Amino acid sequence: MEESYVIKKNINQWWLAFVLLLSFLVSGCSSSTSGESKETASNSKESKVINIGYQKFGTLNILKAKGTLDKDLKSLGYTVKWTEFPGGPQLLEALNVGSLDFGHTGEAPPIFAQAAGAPLVYYANATANPKGEAIIVPENSPIKTLEDLKGKKIVLNKGSNVHFLLVKALEKAGIPYSDIKTIFLTPADARAAFEKGDVDAWVIWDPFLADAQLATKARILADGEGLVSNREFFLAANQFAKDNPKVLDVIYKELEKTDKWVQENPKEAAKFLAPQIGMSVDTLELTLNRRTFGLEKVSDQTAKDQQQIADAFYKLKLIPEDIEVQEALLKTNN
């Protein structure tokens, strides 16, 4: 009996110890979960991040360098994460996969992106700047007119603003798009191919255009004058635009102020921006001297102009399906 009593006593002590240990573990897990919840709640109160994509040159690029947008958005609880892209197509590809909230491109990239199903909306645009892009050839090239491009190798960044310039230039010259050989490269790689003589012509935009003119003595065969508008568009991820109208308002106001500052101080702007993007002051002065200024919300006429680009690309089978640009315009309650 005594032995049985001892065994029962030991079992009861063991069981009590087990219960206490289990209670401790449960309490620990609960505290851990509570800690995680508190941490998550704390994080929700911390600064939210807005991801903005920019290119080598543009109002948004200058705005980044000046740092004023970062300060303004900080008051709304946002931290800005800036990411540079070699061109508009690459920028909108990032927006498509959810890596960007806002960015800027030329006319053609949003057409290709919308056709690919990217969740983008047009927010605003700069005024037309047809002289800011061109088809160039080497200084001593035998190519003298647009008609001479037939059968030639032409390099460009696929889906960028200059893609439409090439389409319209060939149309003007009466050359079917299929009668040229297009080579698609980013600006840096295209510049190398152009200088080595691997291509006959290069379709490019400022400031790469201005830099090539000054550094290689490249000759402009045709710019966008009389062919294209060449607008810079400011675009946002659809859901971000719906959820953050105040943020977009702040960005727009800062873009307006920066655009006006550059227009009134082109030489100072060139000197300020040169070290930021690694280009000479002369290159940027040439770029700014032929640039137009002004910012506006997307008008019906601008949307129609974009639709013409979309229709032309679909006809040439450059995009897989017909699109309605109107569907990508930002809807407001105003």
C-alpha atoms as a PDB file:
ATOM      1  CA  MET A   1       0.000   0.000   0.000  1.00  0.00           C
ATOM      2  CA  GLU A   2       2.807   2.371   0.893  1.00  0.00           C
ATOM      3  CA  GLU A   3       4.529   1.638  -2.402  1.00  0.00           C
ATOM      4  CA  SER A   4       1.293   2.311  -4.284  1.00  0.00           C
ATOM      5  CA  TYR A   5       0.840   5.561  -2.417  1.00  0.00           C
ATOM      6  CA  VAL A   6       4.368   6.669  -3.332  1.00  0.00           C
ATOM      7  CA  ILE A   7       3.789   5.893  -6.993  1.00  0.00           C
ATOM      8  CA  LYS A   8       0.529   7.843  -7.040  1.00  0.00           C
ATOM      9  CA  LYS A   9       2.187  10.755  -5.277  1.00  0.00           C
ATOM     10  CA  ASN A  10       5.012  10.801  -7.831  1.00  0.00           C
ATOM     11  CA  ILE A  11       2.539  10.646 -10.691  1.00  0.00           C
ATOM     12  CA  ASN A  12       0.562  13.560  -9.251  1.00  0.00           C
ATOM     13  CA  GLN A  13       3.736  15.597  -8.820  1.00  0.00           C
ATOM     14  CA  TRP A  14       4.818  14.809 -12.374  1.00  0.00           C
ATOM     15  CA  TRP A  15       1.389  15.708 -13.724  1.00  0.00           C
ATOM     16  CA  LEU A  16       1.398  19.015 -11.803  1.00  0.00           C
ATOM     17  CA  ALA A  17       4.823  19.843 -13.209  1.00  0.00           C
ATOM     18  CA  PHE A  18       3.606  19.020 -16.706  1.00  0.00           C
ATOM     19  CA  VAL A  19       0.556  21.272 -16.350  1.00  0.00           C
ATOM     20  CA  LEU A  20       2.706  24.120 -15.046  1.00  0.00           C
ATOM     21  CA  LEU A  21       5.157  23.700 -17.940  1.00  0.00           C
ATOM     22  CA  LEU A  22       2.334  23.608 -20.469  1.00  0.00           C
ATOM     23  CA  SER A  23       0.825  26.758 -18.970  1.00  0.00           C
ATOM     24  CA  PHE A  24       4.192  28.451 -19.201  1.00  0.00           C
ATOM     25  CA  LEU A  25       4.594  27.499 -22.869  1.00  0.00           C
ATOM     26  CA  VAL A  26       1.085  28.635 -23.756  1.00  0.00           C
ATOM     27  CA  SER A  27       1.679  31.891 -21.926  1.00  0.00           C
ATOM     28  CA  GLY A  28       4.964  32.313 -23.779  1.00  0.00           C
ATOM     29  CA  CYS A  29       3.329  31.707 -27.155  1.00  0.00           C
ATOM     30  CA  SER A  30       0.549  34.110 -26.268  1.00  0.00           C
ATOM     31  CA  SER A  31       3.086  36.754 -25.273  1.00  0.00           C
ATOM     32  CA  SER A  32       5.008  36.129 -28.477  1.00  0.00           C
ATOM     33  CA  THR A  33       1.861  36.453 -30.581  1.00  0.00           C
ATOM     34  CA  SER A  34       0.887  39.561 -28.657  1.00  0.00           C
ATOM     35  CA  GLY A  35       4.362  40.948 -29.255  1.00  0.00           C
ATOM     36  CA  GLU A  36       4.036  40.245 -32.970  1.00  0.00           C
ATOM     37  CA  SER A  37       0.644  41.921 -33.027  1.00  0.00           C
ATOM     38  CA  LYS A  38       2.051  44.948 -31.232  1.00  0.00           C
ATOM     39  CA  GLU A  39       4.956  45.038 -33.674  1.00  0.00           C
ATOM     40  CA  THR A  40       2.584  44.872 -36.642  1.00  0.00           C
ATOM     41  CA  ALA A  41       0.440  47.623 -35.188  1.00  0.00           C
ATOM     42  CA  SER A  42       3.565  49.665 -34.571  1.00  0.00           C
ATOM     43  CA  ASN A  43       4.679  49.143 -38.138  1.00  0.00           C
ATOM     44  CA  SER A  44       1.288  50.264 -39.415  1.00  0.00           C
ATOM     45  CA  LYS A  45       1.842  53.561 -37.635  1.00  0.00           C
ATOM     46  CA  GLU A  46       5.269  53.969 -39.186  1.00  0.00           C
ATOM     47  CA  SER A  47       5.933  55.742 -42.460  1.00  0.00           C
ATOM     48  CA  LYS A  48       4.380  54.087 -45.513  1.00  0.00           C
ATOM     49  CA  VAL A  49       6.526  53.692 -48.605  1.00  0.00           C
ATOM     50  CA  ILE A  50       5.673  55.068 -52.027  1.00  0.00           C
ATOM     51  CA  ASN A  51       7.758  53.569 -54.829  1.00  0.00           C
ATOM     52  CA  ILE A  52       8.502  56.060 -57.602  1.00  0.00           C
ATOM     53  CA  GLY A  53      10.281  55.166 -60.831  1.00  0.00           C
ATOM     54  CA  TYR A  54      12.218  57.723 -62.854  1.00  0.00           C
ATOM     55  CA  GLN A  55      14.451  57.852 -65.899  1.00  0.00           C
ATOM     56  CA  LYS A  56      17.691  59.589 -66.816  1.00  0.00           C
ATOM     57  CA  PHE A  57      16.003  62.914 -67.417  1.00  0.00           C
ATOM     58  CA  GLY A  58      12.688  64.640 -66.822  1.00  0.00           C
ATOM     59  CA  THR A  59      10.812  66.779 -64.325  1.00  0.00           C
ATOM     60  CA  LEU A  60      10.481  63.827 -61.963  1.00  0.00           C
ATOM     61  CA  ASN A  61      14.226  63.294 -62.088  1.00  0.00           C
ATOM     62  CA  ILE A  62      14.870  66.914 -61.108  1.00  0.00           C
ATOM     63  CA  LEU A  63      12.252  66.671 -58.382  1.00  0.00           C
ATOM     64  CA  LYS A  64      14.096  63.688 -56.925  1.00  0.00           C
ATOM     65  CA  ALA A  65      17.399  65.551 -56.946  1.00  0.00           C
ATOM     66  CA  LYS A  66      15.906  68.604 -55.217  1.00  0.00           C
ATOM     67  CA  GLY A  67      14.366  66.481 -52.456  1.00  0.00           C
ATOM     68  CA  THR A  68      11.257  68.657 -52.014  1.00  0.00           C
ATOM     69  CA  LEU A  69       8.773  65.885 -52.769  1.00  0.00           C
ATOM     70  CA  ASP A  70      10.298  63.681 -50.077  1.00  0.00           C
ATOM     71  CA  LYS A  71       9.762  66.443 -47.518  1.00  0.00           C
ATOM     72  CA  ASP A  72       6.160  67.110 -48.558  1.00  0.00           C
ATOM     73  CA  LEU A  73       5.146  63.452 -48.549  1.00  0.00           C
ATOM     74  CA  LYS A  74       6.791  62.875 -45.192  1.00  0.00           C
ATOM     75  CA  SER A  75       4.116  65.105 -43.646  1.00  0.00           C
ATOM     76  CA  LEU A  76       1.514  62.667 -45.020  1.00  0.00           C
ATOM     77  CA  GLY A  77       3.319  59.720 -43.482  1.00  0.00           C
ATOM     78  CA  TYR A  78       5.138  58.558 -46.612  1.00  0.00           C
ATOM     79  CA  THR A  79       8.748  57.713 -47.304  1.00  0.00           C
ATOM     80  CA  VAL A  80       9.739  57.826 -50.978  1.00  0.00           C
ATOM     81  CA  LYS A  81      11.776  55.021 -52.501  1.00  0.00           C
ATOM     82  CA  TRP A  82      13.256  56.120 -55.834  1.00  0.00           C
ATOM     83  CA  THR A  83      14.314  53.647 -58.546  1.00  0.00           C
ATOM     84  CA  GLU A  84      15.986  54.589 -61.836  1.00  0.00           C
ATOM     85  CA  PHE A  85      15.121  52.800 -65.091  1.00  0.00           C
ATOM     86  CA  PRO A  86      16.816  52.906 -68.526  1.00  0.00           C
ATOM     87  CA  GLY A  87      13.490  53.546 -70.268  1.00  0.00           C
ATOM     88  CA  GLY A  88       9.721  53.703 -70.001  1.00  0.00           C
ATOM     89  CA  PRO A  89       9.025  50.066 -70.941  1.00  0.00           C
ATOM     90  CA  GLN A  90      11.230  48.800 -68.128  1.00  0.00           C
ATOM     91  CA  LEU A  91       9.627  51.237 -65.688  1.00  0.00           C
ATOM     92  CA  LEU A  92       6.089  50.121 -66.525  1.00  0.00           C
ATOM     93  CA  GLU A  93       7.102  46.484 -66.363  1.00  0.00           C
ATOM     94  CA  ALA A  94       8.006  47.131 -62.718  1.00  0.00           C
ATOM     95  CA  LEU A  95       4.652  48.835 -62.177  1.00  0.00           C
ATOM     96  CA  ASN A  96       2.920  45.851 -63.756  1.00  0.00           C
ATOM     97  CA  VAL A  97       4.408  43.413 -61.233  1.00  0.00           C
ATOM     98  CA  GLY A  98       3.604  45.661 -58.282  1.00  0.00           C
ATOM     99  CA  SER A  99       7.066  47.090 -57.626  1.00  0.00           C
ATOM    100  CA  LEU A 100       6.124  50.697 -58.444  1.00  0.00           C
ATOM    101  CA  ASP A 101       3.330  53.083 -57.494  1.00  0.00           C
ATOM    102  CA  PHE A 102       4.150  56.049 -59.729  1.00  0.00           C
ATOM    103  CA  GLY A 103       6.442  56.944 -62.623  1.00  0.00           C
ATOM    104  CA  HIS A 104       6.863  58.734 -65.940  1.00  0.00           C
ATOM    105  CA  THR A 105       7.278  57.624 -69.560  1.00  0.00           C
ATOM    106  CA  GLY A 106       6.801  58.817 -73.101  1.00  0.00           C
ATOM    107  CA  GLU A 107       3.754  58.181 -75.301  1.00  0.00           C
ATOM    108  CA  ALA A 108       4.292  54.596 -76.415  1.00  0.00           C
ATOM    109  CA  PRO A 109       5.163  52.673 -73.220  1.00  0.00           C
ATOM    110  CA  PRO A 110       1.698  52.961 -71.626  1.00  0.00           C
ATOM    111  CA  ILE A 111       0.174  51.652 -74.858  1.00  0.00           C
ATOM    112  CA  PHE A 112       2.307  48.503 -74.756  1.00  0.00           C
ATOM    113  CA  ALA A 113       1.779  48.160 -70.998  1.00  0.00           C
ATOM    114  CA  GLN A 114      -2.003  48.497 -71.224  1.00  0.00           C
ATOM    115  CA  ALA A 115      -2.071  45.915 -74.009  1.00  0.00           C
ATOM    116  CA  ALA A 116      -0.122  43.593 -71.694  1.00  0.00           C
ATOM    117  CA  GLY A 117      -2.713  44.035 -68.958  1.00  0.00           C
ATOM    118  CA  ALA A 118      -0.744  46.355 -66.687  1.00  0.00           C
ATOM    119  CA  PRO A 119      -2.963  47.965 -63.987  1.00  0.00           C
ATOM    120  CA  LEU A 120      -1.978  51.550 -64.821  1.00  0.00           C
ATOM    121  CA  VAL A 121      -3.793  54.853 -65.032  1.00  0.00           C
ATOM    122  CA  TYR A 122      -2.818  58.071 -66.777  1.00  0.00           C
ATOM    123  CA  TYR A 123      -2.608  60.860 -64.222  1.00  0.00           C
ATOM    124  CA  ALA A 124      -1.072  63.879 -66.007  1.00  0.00           C
ATOM    125  CA  ASN A 125       1.168  64.851 -68.890  1.00  0.00           C
ATOM    126  CA  ALA A 126       3.666  67.465 -69.975  1.00  0.00           C
ATOM    127  CA  THR A 127       3.014  69.527 -73.083  1.00  0.00           C
ATOM    128  CA  ALA A 128       4.046  68.189 -76.487  1.00  0.00           C
ATOM    129  CA  ASN A 129       7.810  68.202 -77.098  1.00  0.00           C
ATOM    130  CA  PRO A 130       8.380  67.013 -80.694  1.00  0.00           C
ATOM    131  CA  LYS A 131      11.968  68.247 -80.908  1.00  0.00           C
ATOM    132  CA  GLY A 132      12.964  66.164 -77.919  1.00  0.00           C
ATOM    133  CA  GLU A 133      13.382  62.973 -79.965  1.00  0.00           C
ATOM    134  CA  ALA A 134      14.854  62.202 -83.362  1.00  0.00           C
ATOM    135  CA  ILE A 135      16.189  59.693 -85.857  1.00  0.00           C
ATOM    136  CA  ILE A 136      19.936  60.209 -86.126  1.00  0.00           C
ATOM    137  CA  VAL A 137      22.651  58.852 -88.404  1.00  0.00           C
ATOM    138  CA  PRO A 138      26.461  59.060 -88.250  1.00  0.00           C
ATOM    139  CA  GLU A 139      27.967  62.338 -89.456  1.00  0.00           C
ATOM    140  CA  ASN A 140      29.295  60.843 -92.713  1.00  0.00           C
ATOM    141  CA  SER A 141      26.406  58.460 -93.370  1.00  0.00           C
ATOM    142  CA  PRO A 142      25.169  58.213 -96.987  1.00  0.00           C
ATOM    143  CA  ILE A 143      21.625  58.327 -95.607  1.00  0.00           C
ATOM    144  CA  LYS A 144      20.268  61.779 -96.421  1.00  0.00           C
ATOM    145  CA  THR A 145      16.474  61.397 -96.373  1.00  0.00           C
ATOM    146  CA  LEU A 146      13.866  59.264 -94.670  1.00  0.00           C
ATOM    147  CA  GLU A 147      13.405  57.369 -97.926  1.00  0.00           C
ATOM    148  CA  ASP A 148      17.007  56.163 -97.603  1.00  0.00           C
ATOM    149  CA  LEU A 149      16.061  54.152 -94.503  1.00  0.00           C
ATOM    150  CA  LYS A 150      14.548  51.364 -96.602  1.00  0.00           C
ATOM    151  CA  GLY A 151      16.348  48.102 -95.896  1.00  0.00           C
ATOM    152  CA  LYS A 152      18.495  49.636 -93.163  1.00  0.00           C
ATOM    153  CA  LYS A 153      19.228  48.537 -89.589  1.00  0.00           C
ATOM    154  CA  ILE A 154      17.590  50.883 -87.115  1.00  0.00           C
ATOM    155  CA  VAL A 155      18.164  50.623 -83.379  1.00  0.00           C
ATOM    156  CA  LEU A 156      15.738  51.797 -80.679  1.00  0.00           C
ATOM    157  CA  ASN A 157      14.376  50.907 -77.259  1.00  0.00           C
ATOM    158  CA  LYS A 158      11.387  48.666 -77.964  1.00  0.00           C
ATOM    159  CA  GLY A 159       8.073  50.119 -76.842  1.00  0.00           C
ATOM    160  CA  SER A 160       9.524  53.512 -75.935  1.00  0.00           C
ATOM    161  CA  ASN A 161       8.258  56.910 -77.098  1.00  0.00           C
ATOM    162  CA  VAL A 162      10.545  56.832 -80.161  1.00  0.00           C
ATOM    163  CA  HIS A 163       8.870  53.670 -81.436  1.00  0.00           C
ATOM    164  CA  PHE A 164       5.929  55.740 -82.634  1.00  0.00           C
ATOM    165  CA  LEU A 165       8.270  58.328 -84.171  1.00  0.00           C
ATOM    166  CA  LEU A 166       9.819  55.566 -86.280  1.00  0.00           C
ATOM    167  CA  VAL A 167       6.374  54.319 -87.344  1.00  0.00           C
ATOM    168  CA  LYS A 168       5.273  57.817 -88.422  1.00  0.00           C
ATOM    169  CA  ALA A 169       8.578  58.604 -90.162  1.00  0.00           C
ATOM    170  CA  LEU A 170       8.386  55.412 -92.225  1.00  0.00           C
ATOM    171  CA  GLU A 171       4.763  56.159 -93.024  1.00  0.00           C
ATOM    172  CA  LYS A 172       5.729  59.618 -94.284  1.00  0.00           C
ATOM    173  CA  ALA A 173       8.488  58.134 -96.432  1.00  0.00           C
ATOM    174  CA  GLY A 174       6.191  55.465 -97.837  1.00  0.00           C
ATOM    175  CA  ILE A 175       8.301  52.639 -96.403  1.00  0.00           C
ATOM    176  CA  PRO A 176       6.496  49.588 -95.006  1.00  0.00           C
ATOM    177  CA  TYR A 177       7.538  48.811 -91.436  1.00  0.00           C
ATOM    178  CA  SER A 178       8.545  45.346 -92.609  1.00  0.00           C
ATOM    179  CA  ASP A 179      11.088  46.861 -95.029  1.00  0.00           C
ATOM    180  CA  ILE A 180      13.490  47.865 -92.254  1.00  0.00           C
ATOM    181  CA  LYS A 181      15.351  45.780 -89.708  1.00  0.00           C
ATOM    182  CA  THR A 182      14.676  46.910 -86.164  1.00  0.00           C
ATOM    183  CA  ILE A 183      17.182  46.154 -83.426  1.00  0.00           C
ATOM    184  CA  PHE A 184      15.934  46.651 -79.894  1.00  0.00           C
ATOM    185  CA  LEU A 185      18.473  47.857 -77.332  1.00  0.00           C
ATOM    186  CA  THR A 186      18.508  50.105 -74.273  1.00  0.00           C
ATOM    187  CA  PRO A 187      19.987  53.601 -74.814  1.00  0.00           C
ATOM    188  CA  ALA A 188      23.433  52.677 -73.479  1.00  0.00           C
ATOM    189  CA  ASP A 189      23.745  49.571 -75.649  1.00  0.00           C
ATOM    190  CA  ALA A 190      22.233  51.362 -78.639  1.00  0.00           C
ATOM    191  CA  ARG A 191      24.826  54.123 -78.311  1.00  0.00           C
ATOM    192  CA  ALA A 192      27.624  51.530 -78.408  1.00  0.00           C
ATOM    193  CA  ALA A 193      26.141  49.851 -81.484  1.00  0.00           C
ATOM    194  CA  PHE A 194      25.699  53.234 -83.176  1.00  0.00           C
ATOM    195  CA  GLU A 195      29.299  54.283 -82.556  1.00  0.00           C
ATOM    196  CA  LYS A 196      30.691  50.940 -83.730  1.00  0.00           C
ATOM    197  CA  GLY A 197      28.733  51.174 -86.973  1.00  0.00           C
ATOM    198  CA  ASP A 198      26.674  48.069 -86.281  1.00  0.00           C
ATOM    199  CA  VAL A 199      23.483  49.958 -87.152  1.00  0.00           C
ATOM    200  CA  ASP A 200      22.597  52.542 -89.776  1.00  0.00           C
ATOM    201  CA  ALA A 201      20.366  54.790 -87.692  1.00  0.00           C
ATOM    202  CA  TRP A 202      19.303  55.321 -84.105  1.00  0.00           C
ATOM    203  CA  VAL A 203      15.919  56.589 -82.882  1.00  0.00           C
ATOM    204  CA  ILE A 204      16.484  58.230 -79.519  1.00  0.00           C
ATOM    205  CA  TRP A 205      15.250  60.892 -77.111  1.00  0.00           C
ATOM    206  CA  ASP A 206      16.845  63.636 -75.007  1.00  0.00           C
ATOM    207  CA  PRO A 207      19.182  63.847 -73.197  1.00  0.00           C
ATOM    208  CA  PHE A 208      20.710  60.806 -74.958  1.00  0.00           C
ATOM    209  CA  LEU A 209      19.967  62.546 -78.254  1.00  0.00           C
ATOM    210  CA  ALA A 210      21.773  65.738 -77.266  1.00  0.00           C
ATOM    211  CA  ASP A 211      24.695  63.768 -75.840  1.00  0.00           C
ATOM    212  CA  ALA A 212      25.097  61.771 -79.062  1.00  0.00           C
ATOM    213  CA  GLN A 213      24.958  64.960 -81.132  1.00  0.00           C
ATOM    214  CA  LEU A 214      27.727  66.620 -79.144  1.00  0.00           C
ATOM    215  CA  ALA A 215      29.922  63.560 -78.600  1.00  0.00           C
ATOM    216  CA  THR A 216      29.671  61.819 -81.975  1.00  0.00           C
ATOM    217  CA  LYS A 217      28.611  64.662 -84.292  1.00  0.00           C
ATOM    218  CA  ALA A 218      25.562  62.589 -85.166  1.00  0.00           C
ATOM    219  CA  ARG A 219      23.268  64.162 -87.724  1.00  0.00           C
ATOM    220  CA  ILE A 220      19.516  64.517 -87.210  1.00  0.00           C
ATOM    221  CA  LEU A 221      17.649  62.920 -90.096  1.00  0.00           C
ATOM    222  CA  ALA A 222      14.246  63.878 -88.690  1.00  0.00           C
ATOM    223  CA  ASP A 223      12.895  64.901 -85.305  1.00  0.00           C
ATOM    224  CA  GLY A 224       9.305  64.645 -84.141  1.00  0.00           C
ATOM    225  CA  GLU A 225       8.240  67.994 -85.576  1.00  0.00           C
ATOM    226  CA  GLY A 226       5.199  67.428 -87.792  1.00  0.00           C
ATOM    227  CA  LEU A 227       5.207  63.706 -87.019  1.00  0.00           C
ATOM    228  CA  VAL A 228       4.501  63.115 -83.310  1.00  0.00           C
ATOM    229  CA  SER A 229       3.608  65.020 -80.162  1.00  0.00           C
ATOM    230  CA  ASN A 230       6.129  63.325 -77.846  1.00  0.00           C
ATOM    231  CA  ARG A 231       4.442  63.921 -74.520  1.00  0.00           C
ATOM    232  CA  GLU A 232       5.821  62.867 -71.163  1.00  0.00           C
ATOM    233  CA  PHE A 233       3.159  61.040 -69.146  1.00  0.00           C
ATOM    234  CA  PHE A 234       2.889  60.600 -65.402  1.00  0.00           C
ATOM    235  CA  LEU A 235       1.281  57.291 -64.531  1.00  0.00           C
ATOM    236  CA  ALA A 236       0.238  55.460 -61.393  1.00  0.00           C
ATOM    237  CA  ALA A 237      -0.750  51.971 -60.377  1.00  0.00           C
ATOM    238  CA  ASN A 238      -4.549  51.848 -60.531  1.00  0.00           C
ATOM    239  CA  GLN A 239      -5.186  50.821 -56.925  1.00  0.00           C
ATOM    240  CA  PHE A 240      -2.600  53.230 -55.573  1.00  0.00           C
ATOM    241  CA  ALA A 241      -4.245  56.115 -57.447  1.00  0.00           C
ATOM    242  CA  LYS A 242      -7.673  55.198 -56.059  1.00  0.00           C
ATOM    243  CA  ASP A 243      -6.407  54.900 -52.485  1.00  0.00           C
ATOM    244  CA  ASN A 244      -4.095  57.926 -52.413  1.00  0.00           C
ATOM    245  CA  PRO A 245      -5.595  60.971 -54.183  1.00  0.00           C
ATOM    246  CA  LYS A 246      -3.943  63.369 -51.714  1.00  0.00           C
ATOM    247  CA  VAL A 247      -0.531  61.922 -52.480  1.00  0.00           C
ATOM    248  CA  LEU A 248      -1.106  62.408 -56.198  1.00  0.00           C
ATOM    249  CA  ASP A 249      -2.158  66.018 -55.576  1.00  0.00           C
ATOM    250  CA  VAL A 250       1.096  66.671 -53.709  1.00  0.00           C
ATOM    251  CA  ILE A 251       3.136  65.109 -56.515  1.00  0.00           C
ATOM    252  CA  TYR A 252       1.318  67.184 -59.140  1.00  0.00           C
ATOM    253  CA  LYS A 253       1.905  70.463 -57.295  1.00  0.00           C
ATOM    254  CA  GLU A 254       5.597  69.686 -56.855  1.00  0.00           C
ATOM    255  CA  LEU A 255       5.933  68.741 -60.520  1.00  0.00           C
ATOM    256  CA  GLU A 256       4.367  72.080 -61.499  1.00  0.00           C
ATOM    257  CA  LYS A 257       6.728  74.056 -59.282  1.00  0.00           C
ATOM    258  CA  THR A 258       9.785  72.174 -60.503  1.00  0.00           C
ATOM    259  CA  ASP A 259       8.780  72.542 -64.151  1.00  0.00           C
ATOM    260  CA  LYS A 260       8.393  76.299 -63.693  1.00  0.00           C
ATOM    261  CA  TRP A 261      11.762  76.556 -61.926  1.00  0.00           C
ATOM    262  CA  VAL A 262      13.540  74.757 -64.775  1.00  0.00           C
ATOM    263  CA  GLN A 263      11.835  76.935 -67.381  1.00  0.00           C
ATOM    264  CA  GLU A 264      12.937  80.107 -65.582  1.00  0.00           C
ATOM    265  CA  ASN A 265      16.439  78.851 -64.734  1.00  0.00           C
ATOM    266  CA  PRO A 266      17.636  76.547 -67.554  1.00  0.00           C
ATOM    267  CA  LYS A 267      21.360  77.189 -67.049  1.00  0.00           C
ATOM    268  CA  GLU A 268      21.133  76.698 -63.301  1.00  0.00           C
ATOM    269  CA  ALA A 269      19.025  73.570 -63.835  1.00  0.00           C
ATOM    270  CA  ALA A 270      21.613  72.148 -66.233  1.00  0.00           C
ATOM    271  CA  LYS A 271      24.430  72.731 -63.747  1.00  0.00           C
ATOM    272  CA  PHE A 272      22.373  71.290 -60.907  1.00  0.00           C
ATOM    273  CA  LEU A 273      21.375  68.158 -62.806  1.00  0.00           C
ATOM    274  CA  ALA A 274      24.663  67.378 -64.587  1.00  0.00           C
ATOM    275  CA  PRO A 275      26.369  65.637 -61.644  1.00  0.00           C
ATOM    276  CA  GLN A 276      23.112  63.918 -60.715  1.00  0.00           C
ATOM    277  CA  ILE A 277      22.825  62.012 -64.001  1.00  0.00           C
ATOM    278  CA  GLY A 278      26.446  61.977 -65.133  1.00  0.00           C
ATOM    279  CA  MET A 279      26.057  64.104 -68.264  1.00  0.00           C
ATOM    280  CA  SER A 280      27.732  67.336 -69.273  1.00  0.00           C
ATOM    281  CA  VAL A 281      26.238  70.762 -68.681  1.00  0.00           C
ATOM    282  CA  ASP A 282      26.419  71.405 -72.445  1.00  0.00           C
ATOM    283  CA  THR A 283      24.327  68.294 -73.121  1.00  0.00           C
ATOM    284  CA  LEU A 284      21.667  69.364 -70.656  1.00  0.00           C
ATOM    285  CA  GLU A 285      21.605  72.959 -71.875  1.00  0.00           C
ATOM    286  CA  LEU A 286      20.999  71.719 -75.423  1.00  0.00           C
ATOM    287  CA  THR A 287      18.233  69.474 -74.104  1.00  0.00           C
ATOM    288  CA  LEU A 288      16.543  72.229 -72.105  1.00  0.00           C
ATOM    289  CA  ASN A 289      16.851  74.844 -74.842  1.00  0.00           C
ATOM    290  CA  ARG A 290      14.616  72.827 -77.162  1.00  0.00           C
ATOM    291  CA  ARG A 291      12.328  71.455 -74.493  1.00  0.00           C
ATOM    292  CA  THR A 292       8.778  72.709 -74.003  1.00  0.00           C
ATOM    293  CA  PHE A 293       7.294  73.353 -70.573  1.00  0.00           C
ATOM    294  CA  GLY A 294       3.909  72.988 -68.936  1.00  0.00           C
ATOM    295  CA  LEU A 295       1.924  70.348 -67.053  1.00  0.00           C
ATOM    296  CA  GLU A 296      -1.729  69.403 -67.356  1.00  0.00           C
ATOM    297  CA  LYS A 297      -4.231  66.714 -66.477  1.00  0.00           C
ATOM    298  CA  VAL A 298      -4.942  64.356 -69.374  1.00  0.00           C
ATOM    299  CA  SER A 299      -7.451  66.002 -71.722  1.00  0.00           C
ATOM    300  CA  ASP A 300      -9.887  64.360 -74.138  1.00  0.00           C
ATOM    301  CA  GLN A 301      -7.673  65.416 -77.059  1.00  0.00           C
ATOM    302  CA  THR A 302      -4.574  63.906 -75.466  1.00  0.00           C
ATOM    303  CA  ALA A 303      -6.494  60.682 -74.892  1.00  0.00           C
ATOM    304  CA  LYS A 304      -7.541  60.677 -78.552  1.00  0.00           C
ATOM    305  CA  ASP A 305      -3.927  61.187 -79.620  1.00  0.00           C
ATOM    306  CA  GLN A 306      -2.932  58.213 -77.492  1.00  0.00           C
ATOM    307  CA  GLN A 307      -5.704  56.151 -79.052  1.00  0.00           C
ATOM    308  CA  GLN A 308      -4.287  56.900 -82.504  1.00  0.00           C
ATOM    309  CA  ILE A 309      -0.941  55.522 -81.370  1.00  0.00           C
ATOM    310  CA  ALA A 310      -2.628  52.405 -79.995  1.00  0.00           C
ATOM    311  CA  ASP A 311      -4.557  51.881 -83.237  1.00  0.00           C
ATOM    312  CA  ALA A 312      -1.389  52.269 -85.321  1.00  0.00           C
ATOM    313  CA  PHE A 313       0.523  49.772 -83.178  1.00  0.00           C
ATOM    314  CA  TYR A 314      -2.320  47.250 -83.349  1.00  0.00           C
ATOM    315  CA  LYS A 315      -2.518  47.587 -87.121  1.00  0.00           C
ATOM    316  CA  LEU A 316       1.200  46.823 -87.355  1.00  0.00           C
ATOM    317  CA  LYS A 317       0.769  43.916 -84.913  1.00  0.00           C
ATOM    318  CA  LEU A 318       3.152  45.570 -82.456  1.00  0.00           C
ATOM    319  CA  ILE A 319       0.613  44.993 -79.683  1.00  0.00           C
ATOM    320  CA  PRO A 320      -1.383  41.749 -79.348  1.00  0.00           C
ATOM    321  CA  GLU A 321      -4.848  43.256 -79.010  1.00  0.00           C
ATOM    322  CA  ASP A 322      -6.874  46.374 -79.634  1.00  0.00           C
ATOM    323  CA  ILE A 323      -7.134  48.594 -76.560  1.00  0.00           C
ATOM    324  CA  GLU A 324      -9.234  51.536 -75.402  1.00  0.00           C
ATOM    325  CA  VAL A 325      -7.033  54.234 -73.870  1.00  0.00           C
ATOM    326  CA  GLN A 326     -10.112  55.762 -72.248  1.00  0.00           C
ATOM    327  CA  GLU A 327     -10.267  52.754 -69.937  1.00  0.00           C
ATOM    328  CA  ALA A 328      -6.879  53.664 -68.470  1.00  0.00           C
ATOM    329  CA  LEU A 329      -7.749  57.262 -67.601  1.00  0.00           C
ATOM    330  CA  LEU A 330      -7.965  58.080 -63.911  1.00  0.00           C
ATOM    331  CA  LYS A 331     -11.580  58.241 -62.807  1.00  0.00           C
ATOM    332  CA  THR A 332     -12.417  60.987 -60.300  1.00  0.00           C
ATOM    333  CA  ASN A 333     -15.531  62.139 -58.540  1.00  0.00           C
ATOM    334  CA  ASN A 334     -15.090  65.679 -59.795  1.00  0.00           C
END
